[in-house]
Amino acid sequence: MRVTLTIVISTLLLAVVHIFAMPLPPAAYSIGIVLSIQGGLTVRDISAADQLKTRAIGCLVAVAAVAPAAALEPGRPASAVAFPAIIFAAALLRAFGTRWAAVGMFAFMAYFIGA
């Protein structure tokens, strides 16, 4: 129920931004939905404060991952080189614990959908 509610809230917030601030591409909704699911399933910190910290770091990393995905997409070869680098970094982060495993998944999914 918590993940479903998170998806609904994030989608509604994106719709508000789309209507009142700036038009968003369909990929923005996909990224919002997938990262909402990721935030509910992969963040496994014990305290609520630690969960919030992991989600905040994940959001920053997701923005940092989707920006080059959007910039490199017109040049497919550059995007094809960057994607394995993101996968490698996400896999490497898993060695540093559950927080960083979740952050790596945020980065991977954001880049994948953004591209």
N, C-alpha and C. Protein backbone atom coordinates (compact mmCIF):
# COMPACT_ATOMS: atom_id res chain seq x y z
N MET A 1 0.82 -1.19 0.00
CA MET A 1 0.00 0.00 0.00
C MET A 1 0.86 1.26 0.00
N ARG A 2 1.97 1.20 0.76
CA ARG A 2 2.85 2.36 0.88
C ARG A 2 3.48 2.71 -0.47
N VAL A 3 3.91 1.70 -1.21
CA VAL A 3 4.53 1.93 -2.51
C VAL A 3 3.50 2.50 -3.49
N THR A 4 2.31 1.95 -3.47
CA THR A 4 1.25 2.44 -4.35
C THR A 4 0.92 3.89 -4.05
N LEU A 5 0.82 4.22 -2.78
CA LEU A 5 0.54 5.61 -2.40
C LEU A 5 1.67 6.53 -2.83
N THR A 6 2.90 6.07 -2.72
CA THR A 6 4.05 6.87 -3.15
C THR A 6 4.00 7.11 -4.66
N ILE A 7 3.63 6.09 -5.42
CA ILE A 7 3.51 6.25 -6.87
C ILE A 7 2.44 7.28 -7.21
N VAL A 8 1.30 7.20 -6.55
CA VAL A 8 0.20 8.13 -6.82
C VAL A 8 0.62 9.56 -6.48
N ILE A 9 1.24 9.75 -5.33
CA ILE A 9 1.64 11.10 -4.92
C ILE A 9 2.69 11.67 -5.86
N SER A 10 3.70 10.88 -6.21
CA SER A 10 4.74 11.40 -7.10
C SER A 10 4.18 11.71 -8.49
N THR A 11 3.26 10.89 -8.98
CA THR A 11 2.66 11.15 -10.28
C THR A 11 1.81 12.41 -10.25
N LEU A 12 1.07 12.60 -9.17
CA LEU A 12 0.27 13.83 -9.03
C LEU A 12 1.16 15.06 -8.94
N LEU A 13 2.27 14.97 -8.22
CA LEU A 13 3.19 16.11 -8.14
C LEU A 13 3.79 16.43 -9.51
N LEU A 14 4.15 15.40 -10.26
CA LEU A 14 4.66 15.64 -11.61
C LEU A 14 3.59 16.26 -12.51
N ALA A 15 2.34 15.84 -12.35
CA ALA A 15 1.25 16.43 -13.13
C ALA A 15 1.07 17.90 -12.79
N VAL A 16 1.19 18.25 -11.51
CA VAL A 16 1.09 19.65 -11.10
C VAL A 16 2.21 20.48 -11.72
N VAL A 17 3.42 19.95 -11.69
CA VAL A 17 4.55 20.64 -12.33
C VAL A 17 4.28 20.79 -13.82
N HIS A 18 3.77 19.74 -14.45
CA HIS A 18 3.49 19.75 -15.87
C HIS A 18 2.44 20.81 -16.23
N ILE A 19 1.42 20.92 -15.42
CA ILE A 19 0.33 21.84 -15.71
C ILE A 19 0.70 23.29 -15.39
N PHE A 20 1.33 23.52 -14.24
CA PHE A 20 1.53 24.88 -13.77
C PHE A 20 2.93 25.45 -13.99
N ALA A 21 3.93 24.63 -14.20
CA ALA A 21 5.29 25.16 -14.31
C ALA A 21 5.89 24.96 -15.69
N MET A 22 6.02 23.71 -16.11
CA MET A 22 6.64 23.43 -17.41
C MET A 22 6.18 22.07 -17.90
N PRO A 23 6.10 21.92 -19.22
CA PRO A 23 5.71 20.61 -19.75
C PRO A 23 6.81 19.58 -19.51
N LEU A 24 6.42 18.40 -19.14
CA LEU A 24 7.36 17.31 -18.87
C LEU A 24 7.20 16.23 -19.92
N PRO A 25 8.29 15.61 -20.32
CA PRO A 25 8.19 14.50 -21.27
C PRO A 25 7.63 13.25 -20.59
N PRO A 26 7.10 12.34 -21.35
CA PRO A 26 6.58 11.10 -20.75
C PRO A 26 7.62 10.34 -19.93
N ALA A 27 8.89 10.45 -20.32
CA ALA A 27 9.94 9.76 -19.56
C ALA A 27 10.02 10.24 -18.12
N ALA A 28 9.65 11.50 -17.87
CA ALA A 28 9.68 12.03 -16.51
C ALA A 28 8.69 11.26 -15.62
N TYR A 29 7.53 10.93 -16.17
CA TYR A 29 6.56 10.16 -15.41
C TYR A 29 7.06 8.74 -15.17
N SER A 30 7.68 8.16 -16.18
CA SER A 30 8.24 6.81 -16.02
C SER A 30 9.32 6.79 -14.95
N ILE A 31 10.19 7.77 -14.99
CA ILE A 31 11.25 7.85 -13.98
C ILE A 31 10.65 8.04 -12.60
N GLY A 32 9.66 8.90 -12.48
CA GLY A 32 9.00 9.13 -11.19
C GLY A 32 8.37 7.87 -10.63
N ILE A 33 7.69 7.12 -11.48
CA ILE A 33 7.04 5.89 -11.04
C ILE A 33 8.06 4.85 -10.62
N VAL A 34 9.08 4.63 -11.45
CA VAL A 34 10.08 3.61 -11.15
C VAL A 34 10.88 3.98 -9.90
N LEU A 35 11.24 5.25 -9.75
CA LEU A 35 12.00 5.64 -8.56
C LEU A 35 11.13 5.61 -7.31
N SER A 36 9.83 5.80 -7.46
CA SER A 36 8.94 5.62 -6.32
C SER A 36 8.93 4.17 -5.86
N ILE A 37 8.88 3.28 -6.82
CA ILE A 37 8.94 1.85 -6.49
C ILE A 37 10.28 1.51 -5.86
N GLN A 38 11.36 2.01 -6.45
CA GLN A 38 12.70 1.76 -5.91
C GLN A 38 12.81 2.27 -4.47
N GLY A 39 12.29 3.46 -4.23
CA GLY A 39 12.35 4.04 -2.89
C GLY A 39 11.60 3.21 -1.86
N GLY A 40 10.55 2.57 -2.30
CA GLY A 40 9.77 1.75 -1.38
C GLY A 40 10.32 0.35 -1.17
N LEU A 41 11.02 -0.16 -2.17
CA LEU A 41 11.47 -1.55 -2.09
C LEU A 41 12.95 -1.72 -1.76
N THR A 42 13.80 -0.81 -2.21
CA THR A 42 15.23 -1.02 -2.01
C THR A 42 15.81 -0.30 -0.81
N VAL A 43 15.10 0.71 -0.30
CA VAL A 43 15.60 1.43 0.87
C VAL A 43 15.24 0.61 2.10
N ARG A 44 16.27 0.08 2.76
CA ARG A 44 16.06 -0.85 3.87
C ARG A 44 16.69 -0.37 5.18
N ASP A 45 16.89 0.92 5.31
CA ASP A 45 17.44 1.44 6.56
C ASP A 45 16.45 1.24 7.69
N ILE A 46 16.97 1.15 8.91
CA ILE A 46 16.11 0.85 10.06
C ILE A 46 15.29 2.06 10.49
N SER A 47 15.94 3.19 10.68
CA SER A 47 15.22 4.36 11.19
C SER A 47 14.64 5.18 10.04
N ALA A 48 13.60 5.92 10.33
CA ALA A 48 12.96 6.77 9.32
C ALA A 48 13.92 7.86 8.85
N ALA A 49 14.75 8.37 9.76
CA ALA A 49 15.72 9.41 9.39
C ALA A 49 16.75 8.86 8.40
N ASP A 50 17.20 7.64 8.65
CA ASP A 50 18.16 7.03 7.72
C ASP A 50 17.51 6.72 6.38
N GLN A 51 16.25 6.31 6.38
CA GLN A 51 15.54 6.07 5.14
C GLN A 51 15.41 7.35 4.33
N LEU A 52 15.09 8.44 5.02
CA LEU A 52 14.98 9.73 4.35
C LEU A 52 16.32 10.15 3.76
N LYS A 53 17.39 9.92 4.50
CA LYS A 53 18.73 10.26 4.02
C LYS A 53 19.07 9.45 2.77
N THR A 54 18.77 8.16 2.78
CA THR A 54 19.04 7.31 1.62
C THR A 54 18.23 7.77 0.42
N ARG A 55 16.96 8.09 0.63
CA ARG A 55 16.13 8.56 -0.48
C ARG A 55 16.62 9.89 -1.03
N ALA A 56 17.06 10.78 -0.15
CA ALA A 56 17.59 12.08 -0.60
C ALA A 56 18.86 11.90 -1.42
N ILE A 57 19.75 11.05 -0.95
CA ILE A 57 20.97 10.77 -1.72
C ILE A 57 20.59 10.12 -3.05
N GLY A 58 19.64 9.20 -3.01
CA GLY A 58 19.19 8.53 -4.23
C GLY A 58 18.61 9.50 -5.24
N CYS A 59 17.86 10.48 -4.77
CA CYS A 59 17.29 11.48 -5.68
C CYS A 59 18.38 12.32 -6.32
N LEU A 60 19.35 12.73 -5.53
CA LEU A 60 20.46 13.51 -6.08
C LEU A 60 21.24 12.70 -7.12
N VAL A 61 21.50 11.45 -6.80
CA VAL A 61 22.23 10.58 -7.73
C VAL A 61 21.39 10.32 -8.98
N ALA A 62 20.09 10.17 -8.82
CA ALA A 62 19.22 9.95 -9.99
C ALA A 62 19.25 11.15 -10.93
N VAL A 63 19.21 12.35 -10.37
CA VAL A 63 19.30 13.56 -11.20
C VAL A 63 20.66 13.60 -11.90
N ALA A 64 21.72 13.26 -11.13
CA ALA A 64 23.06 13.24 -11.71
C ALA A 64 23.20 12.18 -12.79
N ALA A 65 22.41 11.12 -12.74
CA ALA A 65 22.47 10.07 -13.76
C ALA A 65 21.59 10.37 -14.96
N VAL A 66 20.44 10.99 -14.74
CA VAL A 66 19.53 11.23 -15.86
C VAL A 66 20.00 12.41 -16.71
N ALA A 67 20.74 13.33 -16.14
CA ALA A 67 21.23 14.47 -16.92
C ALA A 67 22.16 14.02 -18.05
N PRO A 68 23.19 13.22 -17.77
CA PRO A 68 24.01 12.77 -18.91
C PRO A 68 23.25 11.82 -19.85
N ALA A 69 22.28 11.09 -19.33
CA ALA A 69 21.49 10.22 -20.21
C ALA A 69 20.77 11.06 -21.25
N ALA A 70 20.18 12.16 -20.82
CA ALA A 70 19.47 13.03 -21.76
C ALA A 70 20.44 13.74 -22.70
N ALA A 71 21.58 14.15 -22.17
CA ALA A 71 22.55 14.87 -22.99
C ALA A 71 23.23 13.96 -24.01
N LEU A 72 23.48 12.72 -23.65
CA LEU A 72 24.21 11.81 -24.52
C LEU A 72 23.31 11.03 -25.48
N GLU A 73 22.03 11.05 -25.28
CA GLU A 73 21.14 10.22 -26.09
C GLU A 73 21.20 10.53 -27.58
N PRO A 74 21.31 11.78 -28.01
CA PRO A 74 21.41 12.01 -29.46
C PRO A 74 22.64 11.34 -30.09
N GLY A 75 23.72 11.22 -29.33
CA GLY A 75 24.90 10.52 -29.82
C GLY A 75 24.92 9.11 -29.26
N ARG A 76 24.26 8.20 -29.93
CA ARG A 76 24.10 6.84 -29.43
C ARG A 76 25.40 6.17 -28.99
N PRO A 77 26.52 6.32 -29.72
CA PRO A 77 27.75 5.65 -29.28
C PRO A 77 28.21 6.13 -27.90
N ALA A 78 28.11 7.42 -27.64
CA ALA A 78 28.52 7.94 -26.33
C ALA A 78 27.60 7.40 -25.24
N SER A 79 26.32 7.33 -25.52
CA SER A 79 25.38 6.78 -24.55
C SER A 79 25.64 5.30 -24.30
N ALA A 80 26.02 4.59 -25.34
CA ALA A 80 26.32 3.16 -25.21
C ALA A 80 27.57 2.91 -24.37
N VAL A 81 28.48 3.87 -24.34
CA VAL A 81 29.67 3.75 -23.51
C VAL A 81 29.36 4.14 -22.06
N ALA A 82 28.54 5.15 -21.90
CA ALA A 82 28.22 5.64 -20.56
C ALA A 82 27.36 4.64 -19.77
N PHE A 83 26.48 3.92 -20.45
CA PHE A 83 25.58 3.01 -19.75
C PHE A 83 26.33 1.91 -19.00
N PRO A 84 27.30 1.22 -19.61
CA PRO A 84 28.05 0.23 -18.83
C PRO A 84 28.81 0.86 -17.66
N ALA A 85 29.24 2.10 -17.82
CA ALA A 85 29.93 2.78 -16.72
C ALA A 85 28.97 2.98 -15.55
N ILE A 86 27.73 3.34 -15.83
CA ILE A 86 26.71 3.50 -14.78
C ILE A 86 26.43 2.14 -14.13
N ILE A 87 26.32 1.10 -14.93
CA ILE A 87 26.09 -0.24 -14.39
C ILE A 87 27.24 -0.65 -13.47
N PHE A 88 28.47 -0.41 -13.92
CA PHE A 88 29.63 -0.75 -13.10
C PHE A 88 29.62 0.02 -11.78
N ALA A 89 29.33 1.32 -11.85
CA ALA A 89 29.30 2.13 -10.62
C ALA A 89 28.20 1.65 -9.68
N ALA A 90 27.03 1.32 -10.22
CA ALA A 90 25.93 0.84 -9.39
C ALA A 90 26.28 -0.48 -8.73
N ALA A 91 26.93 -1.37 -9.47
CA ALA A 91 27.34 -2.65 -8.90
C ALA A 91 28.43 -2.46 -7.86
N LEU A 92 29.33 -1.54 -8.09
CA LEU A 92 30.41 -1.25 -7.15
C LEU A 92 29.86 -0.70 -5.84
N LEU A 93 28.83 0.12 -5.92
CA LEU A 93 28.24 0.70 -4.71
C LEU A 93 27.64 -0.35 -3.78
N ARG A 94 27.23 -1.48 -4.34
CA ARG A 94 26.63 -2.55 -3.53
C ARG A 94 27.59 -3.05 -2.46
N ALA A 95 28.88 -2.93 -2.71
CA ALA A 95 29.88 -3.40 -1.75
C ALA A 95 29.92 -2.56 -0.48
N PHE A 96 29.32 -1.38 -0.51
CA PHE A 96 29.38 -0.46 0.63
C PHE A 96 28.14 -0.52 1.53
N GLY A 97 27.26 -1.49 1.30
CA GLY A 97 26.11 -1.67 2.18
C GLY A 97 24.78 -1.43 1.50
N THR A 98 23.73 -1.63 2.28
CA THR A 98 22.37 -1.55 1.71
C THR A 98 22.01 -0.15 1.24
N ARG A 99 22.47 0.87 1.96
CA ARG A 99 22.16 2.25 1.53
C ARG A 99 22.72 2.47 0.13
N TRP A 100 23.94 2.09 -0.09
CA TRP A 100 24.59 2.36 -1.37
C TRP A 100 24.10 1.42 -2.46
N ALA A 101 23.63 0.25 -2.09
CA ALA A 101 22.99 -0.62 -3.08
C ALA A 101 21.73 0.05 -3.61
N ALA A 102 20.96 0.65 -2.71
CA ALA A 102 19.75 1.37 -3.12
C ALA A 102 20.10 2.57 -3.99
N VAL A 103 21.13 3.32 -3.59
CA VAL A 103 21.55 4.49 -4.36
C VAL A 103 22.00 4.06 -5.76
N GLY A 104 22.71 2.96 -5.85
CA GLY A 104 23.13 2.44 -7.15
C GLY A 104 21.95 2.09 -8.04
N MET A 105 20.92 1.52 -7.44
CA MET A 105 19.71 1.19 -8.22
C MET A 105 18.99 2.45 -8.69
N PHE A 106 18.98 3.49 -7.84
CA PHE A 106 18.41 4.77 -8.26
C PHE A 106 19.14 5.28 -9.51
N ALA A 107 20.48 5.24 -9.47
CA ALA A 107 21.28 5.74 -10.59
C ALA A 107 21.03 4.90 -11.84
N PHE A 108 21.07 3.58 -11.70
CA PHE A 108 20.89 2.70 -12.84
C PHE A 108 19.54 2.92 -13.51
N MET A 109 18.47 2.88 -12.71
CA MET A 109 17.13 3.00 -13.27
C MET A 109 16.90 4.38 -13.89
N ALA A 110 17.42 5.43 -13.25
CA ALA A 110 17.24 6.77 -13.80
C ALA A 110 17.94 6.90 -15.15
N TYR A 111 19.17 6.38 -15.23
CA TYR A 111 19.89 6.47 -16.51
C TYR A 111 19.18 5.62 -17.57
N PHE A 112 18.79 4.42 -17.21
CA PHE A 112 18.16 3.51 -18.17
C PHE A 112 16.89 4.11 -18.76
N ILE A 113 16.03 4.64 -17.92
CA ILE A 113 14.79 5.21 -18.41
C ILE A 113 15.03 6.56 -19.09
N GLY A 114 15.96 7.33 -18.55
CA GLY A 114 16.28 8.63 -19.15
C GLY A 114 16.85 8.51 -20.55
N ALA A 115 17.58 7.44 -20.79
CA ALA A 115 18.16 7.25 -22.13
C ALA A 115 17.10 6.73 -23.08
